[in-house]
N, C-alpha and C. Protein backbone atom coordinates (compact mmCIF):
# COMPACT_ATOMS: atom_id res chain seq x y z
N MET A 1 -74.07 -140.59 -121.75
CA MET A 1 -74.38 -139.28 -122.27
C MET A 1 -73.55 -138.26 -121.49
N SER A 2 -72.99 -137.35 -122.21
CA SER A 2 -72.10 -136.38 -121.57
C SER A 2 -72.91 -135.25 -120.92
N GLU A 3 -72.29 -134.65 -119.92
CA GLU A 3 -72.92 -133.53 -119.22
C GLU A 3 -73.09 -132.35 -120.17
N GLY A 4 -72.13 -132.17 -121.06
CA GLY A 4 -72.22 -131.07 -122.02
C GLY A 4 -73.43 -131.19 -122.94
N MET A 5 -73.73 -132.43 -123.36
CA MET A 5 -74.88 -132.65 -124.24
C MET A 5 -76.18 -132.34 -123.49
N VAL A 6 -76.25 -132.73 -122.23
CA VAL A 6 -77.44 -132.45 -121.43
C VAL A 6 -77.62 -130.94 -121.28
N ARG A 7 -76.53 -130.24 -121.02
CA ARG A 7 -76.61 -128.78 -120.89
C ARG A 7 -77.08 -128.14 -122.20
N LYS A 8 -76.60 -128.65 -123.31
CA LYS A 8 -77.00 -128.13 -124.63
C LYS A 8 -78.50 -128.32 -124.83
N TRP A 9 -79.03 -129.48 -124.47
CA TRP A 9 -80.47 -129.74 -124.61
C TRP A 9 -81.28 -128.83 -123.69
N ILE A 10 -80.79 -128.61 -122.49
CA ILE A 10 -81.50 -127.73 -121.56
C ILE A 10 -81.58 -126.32 -122.12
N ARG A 11 -80.46 -125.82 -122.67
CA ARG A 11 -80.46 -124.48 -123.28
C ARG A 11 -81.43 -124.43 -124.46
N ALA A 12 -81.40 -125.46 -125.29
CA ALA A 12 -82.28 -125.48 -126.46
C ALA A 12 -83.75 -125.50 -126.03
N PHE A 13 -84.05 -126.25 -124.98
CA PHE A 13 -85.42 -126.32 -124.51
C PHE A 13 -85.87 -124.99 -123.93
N LYS A 14 -84.98 -124.33 -123.19
CA LYS A 14 -85.32 -123.02 -122.62
C LYS A 14 -85.51 -121.97 -123.69
N ASP A 15 -84.73 -122.03 -124.76
CA ASP A 15 -84.80 -121.03 -125.82
C ASP A 15 -85.90 -121.31 -126.84
N GLY A 16 -86.27 -122.57 -126.97
CA GLY A 16 -87.22 -122.96 -128.01
C GLY A 16 -88.61 -123.16 -127.48
N PRO A 17 -89.44 -123.80 -128.28
CA PRO A 17 -90.82 -124.06 -127.85
C PRO A 17 -90.83 -125.02 -126.66
N THR A 18 -91.77 -124.80 -125.77
CA THR A 18 -91.84 -125.64 -124.57
C THR A 18 -92.91 -126.72 -124.69
N ASN A 19 -93.59 -126.78 -125.81
CA ASN A 19 -94.61 -127.80 -126.02
C ASN A 19 -93.93 -129.11 -126.41
N VAL A 20 -94.12 -130.14 -125.61
CA VAL A 20 -93.47 -131.41 -125.88
C VAL A 20 -94.38 -132.37 -126.63
N HIS A 21 -95.59 -131.94 -126.96
CA HIS A 21 -96.52 -132.80 -127.69
C HIS A 21 -96.14 -132.85 -129.16
N ALA A 22 -96.66 -133.84 -129.84
CA ALA A 22 -96.29 -134.08 -131.24
C ALA A 22 -96.59 -132.86 -132.11
N GLU A 23 -95.63 -132.54 -132.94
CA GLU A 23 -95.79 -131.47 -133.91
C GLU A 23 -95.71 -132.08 -135.29
N GLU A 24 -95.94 -131.29 -136.30
CA GLU A 24 -95.81 -131.76 -137.66
C GLU A 24 -94.41 -132.32 -137.89
N ARG A 25 -94.34 -133.49 -138.48
CA ARG A 25 -93.05 -134.11 -138.76
C ARG A 25 -92.49 -133.57 -140.06
N SER A 26 -91.19 -133.44 -140.08
CA SER A 26 -90.56 -133.12 -141.34
C SER A 26 -90.19 -134.45 -141.99
N GLY A 27 -89.97 -134.43 -143.27
CA GLY A 27 -89.59 -135.65 -143.96
C GLY A 27 -90.78 -136.28 -144.67
N PRO A 28 -90.51 -137.39 -145.33
CA PRO A 28 -91.56 -138.02 -146.11
C PRO A 28 -92.62 -138.69 -145.22
N PRO A 29 -93.81 -138.85 -145.75
CA PRO A 29 -94.85 -139.53 -144.97
C PRO A 29 -94.52 -141.01 -144.81
N SER A 30 -95.17 -141.64 -143.87
CA SER A 30 -94.95 -143.06 -143.61
C SER A 30 -95.33 -143.88 -144.84
N VAL A 31 -94.56 -144.93 -145.10
CA VAL A 31 -94.85 -145.80 -146.25
C VAL A 31 -95.82 -146.91 -145.85
N ILE A 32 -96.15 -147.01 -144.58
CA ILE A 32 -97.03 -148.07 -144.10
C ILE A 32 -98.47 -147.59 -144.17
N THR A 33 -99.28 -148.32 -144.92
CA THR A 33 -100.70 -147.98 -145.06
C THR A 33 -101.55 -149.04 -144.39
N GLU A 34 -102.80 -148.71 -144.19
CA GLU A 34 -103.74 -149.67 -143.60
C GLU A 34 -103.89 -150.90 -144.50
N ASP A 35 -103.89 -150.67 -145.80
CA ASP A 35 -103.99 -151.78 -146.76
C ASP A 35 -102.79 -152.72 -146.63
N MET A 36 -101.61 -152.15 -146.48
CA MET A 36 -100.40 -152.96 -146.34
C MET A 36 -100.45 -153.77 -145.05
N LEU A 37 -100.93 -153.15 -143.96
CA LEU A 37 -101.05 -153.87 -142.69
C LEU A 37 -101.96 -155.08 -142.83
N GLN A 38 -103.07 -154.91 -143.51
CA GLN A 38 -104.01 -156.01 -143.70
C GLN A 38 -103.42 -157.12 -144.54
N LYS A 39 -102.69 -156.76 -145.60
CA LYS A 39 -102.09 -157.77 -146.47
C LYS A 39 -101.02 -158.58 -145.74
N VAL A 40 -100.19 -157.90 -144.96
CA VAL A 40 -99.14 -158.61 -144.22
C VAL A 40 -99.78 -159.50 -143.15
N ASP A 41 -100.79 -158.99 -142.47
CA ASP A 41 -101.46 -159.79 -141.45
C ASP A 41 -102.11 -161.03 -142.06
N LEU A 42 -102.69 -160.90 -143.24
CA LEU A 42 -103.29 -162.04 -143.93
C LEU A 42 -102.25 -163.09 -144.27
N LYS A 43 -101.08 -162.65 -144.76
CA LYS A 43 -100.00 -163.60 -145.08
C LYS A 43 -99.51 -164.32 -143.83
N VAL A 44 -99.42 -163.60 -142.72
CA VAL A 44 -98.97 -164.22 -141.47
C VAL A 44 -100.01 -165.25 -141.00
N CYS A 45 -101.29 -164.93 -141.15
CA CYS A 45 -102.33 -165.88 -140.74
C CYS A 45 -102.35 -167.11 -141.63
N GLU A 46 -101.99 -166.94 -142.90
CA GLU A 46 -101.93 -168.08 -143.83
C GLU A 46 -100.77 -169.01 -143.49
N ASN A 47 -99.67 -168.44 -143.04
CA ASN A 47 -98.48 -169.23 -142.76
C ASN A 47 -97.89 -168.75 -141.44
N ARG A 48 -98.23 -169.42 -140.34
CA ARG A 48 -97.77 -169.01 -139.02
C ARG A 48 -96.28 -169.25 -138.81
N ARG A 49 -95.64 -170.02 -139.67
CA ARG A 49 -94.21 -170.27 -139.56
C ARG A 49 -93.44 -169.36 -140.53
N PHE A 50 -93.92 -168.15 -140.68
CA PHE A 50 -93.33 -167.20 -141.61
C PHE A 50 -91.97 -166.72 -141.11
N THR A 51 -91.21 -166.19 -142.03
CA THR A 51 -89.95 -165.52 -141.71
C THR A 51 -89.95 -164.17 -142.41
N ILE A 52 -89.03 -163.33 -142.02
CA ILE A 52 -88.90 -162.03 -142.71
C ILE A 52 -88.54 -162.27 -144.17
N SER A 53 -87.72 -163.27 -144.44
CA SER A 53 -87.37 -163.60 -145.83
C SER A 53 -88.60 -164.00 -146.63
N PHE A 54 -89.47 -164.81 -146.04
CA PHE A 54 -90.72 -165.20 -146.70
C PHE A 54 -91.54 -163.97 -147.04
N LEU A 55 -91.71 -163.08 -146.06
CA LEU A 55 -92.50 -161.87 -146.30
C LEU A 55 -91.83 -160.95 -147.31
N SER A 56 -90.51 -160.93 -147.28
CA SER A 56 -89.78 -160.11 -148.24
C SER A 56 -90.00 -160.60 -149.67
N ASN A 57 -90.11 -161.90 -149.83
CA ASN A 57 -90.41 -162.47 -151.16
C ASN A 57 -91.85 -162.18 -151.57
N GLU A 58 -92.76 -162.17 -150.60
CA GLU A 58 -94.17 -161.89 -150.88
C GLU A 58 -94.41 -160.41 -151.18
N PHE A 59 -93.62 -159.55 -150.56
CA PHE A 59 -93.76 -158.09 -150.72
C PHE A 59 -92.41 -157.50 -151.14
N PRO A 60 -91.97 -157.76 -152.37
CA PRO A 60 -90.63 -157.31 -152.79
C PRO A 60 -90.48 -155.79 -152.85
N GLN A 61 -91.57 -155.06 -152.92
CA GLN A 61 -91.50 -153.60 -152.98
C GLN A 61 -91.19 -152.98 -151.63
N ASP A 62 -91.31 -153.75 -150.56
CA ASP A 62 -91.10 -153.23 -149.21
C ASP A 62 -89.80 -153.78 -148.62
N SER A 63 -89.08 -152.94 -147.91
CA SER A 63 -87.82 -153.37 -147.31
C SER A 63 -88.08 -154.28 -146.12
N ARG A 64 -87.05 -155.03 -145.75
CA ARG A 64 -87.16 -155.90 -144.58
C ARG A 64 -87.40 -155.09 -143.31
N CYS A 65 -86.81 -153.90 -143.23
CA CYS A 65 -87.00 -153.04 -142.06
C CYS A 65 -88.46 -152.61 -141.93
N VAL A 66 -89.07 -152.26 -143.05
CA VAL A 66 -90.48 -151.87 -143.03
C VAL A 66 -91.34 -153.05 -142.61
N LEU A 67 -91.07 -154.23 -143.15
CA LEU A 67 -91.84 -155.42 -142.79
C LEU A 67 -91.68 -155.76 -141.31
N TYR A 68 -90.47 -155.66 -140.81
CA TYR A 68 -90.22 -155.93 -139.39
C TYR A 68 -90.98 -154.92 -138.52
N GLY A 69 -90.98 -153.66 -138.93
CA GLY A 69 -91.73 -152.64 -138.20
C GLY A 69 -93.22 -152.90 -138.20
N ILE A 70 -93.74 -153.35 -139.33
CA ILE A 70 -95.16 -153.69 -139.40
C ILE A 70 -95.48 -154.80 -138.41
N LEU A 71 -94.64 -155.84 -138.40
CA LEU A 71 -94.90 -156.98 -137.52
C LEU A 71 -94.79 -156.64 -136.05
N THR A 72 -93.78 -155.88 -135.68
CA THR A 72 -93.54 -155.63 -134.26
C THR A 72 -94.29 -154.42 -133.72
N GLU A 73 -94.36 -153.35 -134.47
CA GLU A 73 -94.94 -152.11 -133.96
C GLU A 73 -96.43 -151.97 -134.26
N HIS A 74 -96.86 -152.48 -135.40
CA HIS A 74 -98.26 -152.29 -135.79
C HIS A 74 -99.12 -153.52 -135.52
N LEU A 75 -98.59 -154.71 -135.77
CA LEU A 75 -99.37 -155.93 -135.58
C LEU A 75 -99.06 -156.63 -134.26
N ASN A 76 -98.09 -156.10 -133.51
CA ASN A 76 -97.75 -156.59 -132.17
C ASN A 76 -97.39 -158.07 -132.14
N TYR A 77 -96.55 -158.51 -133.05
CA TYR A 77 -96.06 -159.88 -133.04
C TYR A 77 -94.73 -159.98 -132.29
N ARG A 78 -94.47 -159.09 -131.36
CA ARG A 78 -93.21 -159.08 -130.61
C ARG A 78 -92.98 -160.37 -129.85
N GLU A 79 -94.03 -160.91 -129.25
CA GLU A 79 -93.88 -162.11 -128.44
C GLU A 79 -93.38 -163.29 -129.27
N LEU A 80 -93.88 -163.43 -130.48
CA LEU A 80 -93.42 -164.51 -131.35
C LEU A 80 -91.94 -164.35 -131.66
N PHE A 81 -91.51 -163.11 -131.93
CA PHE A 81 -90.10 -162.89 -132.23
C PHE A 81 -89.22 -163.23 -131.04
N SER A 82 -89.68 -162.91 -129.84
CA SER A 82 -88.87 -163.23 -128.67
C SER A 82 -88.78 -164.73 -128.48
N LEU A 83 -89.84 -165.47 -128.78
CA LEU A 83 -89.78 -166.93 -128.68
C LEU A 83 -88.82 -167.50 -129.70
N TRP A 84 -88.84 -166.96 -130.92
CA TRP A 84 -87.94 -167.46 -131.96
C TRP A 84 -86.48 -167.19 -131.61
N THR A 85 -86.22 -166.02 -131.07
CA THR A 85 -84.83 -165.68 -130.76
C THR A 85 -84.33 -166.42 -129.53
N ASP A 86 -85.26 -166.90 -128.68
CA ASP A 86 -84.86 -167.72 -127.54
C ASP A 86 -84.46 -169.12 -127.97
N GLY A 87 -84.77 -169.49 -129.20
CA GLY A 87 -84.41 -170.81 -129.70
C GLY A 87 -85.50 -171.85 -129.52
N ARG A 88 -86.69 -171.44 -129.13
CA ARG A 88 -87.76 -172.41 -128.92
C ARG A 88 -88.36 -172.91 -130.21
N PHE A 89 -88.25 -172.14 -131.29
CA PHE A 89 -88.84 -172.53 -132.56
C PHE A 89 -87.79 -172.77 -133.61
N GLN A 90 -86.86 -173.64 -133.37
CA GLN A 90 -85.79 -173.91 -134.33
C GLN A 90 -85.98 -175.24 -134.98
């Protein structure tokens, strides 16, 4: 990160609001619902050897990125992904 960018952020912070807590987000609302979380979790429990491709076929309306986010950020299946990428489950 360049020194100039840091200086720019410092100026913006001094000139703007100083509250660092969450504010209203701009942009569209999240596409992930509680119902979707439950459905994906149920599919994972039915088939523990699931893949993103499998889930993508089960939920064609949702992108692979959304499904990956559900698994890692909402359902906390990060440990399984790290085991798979280590080559233990090939």
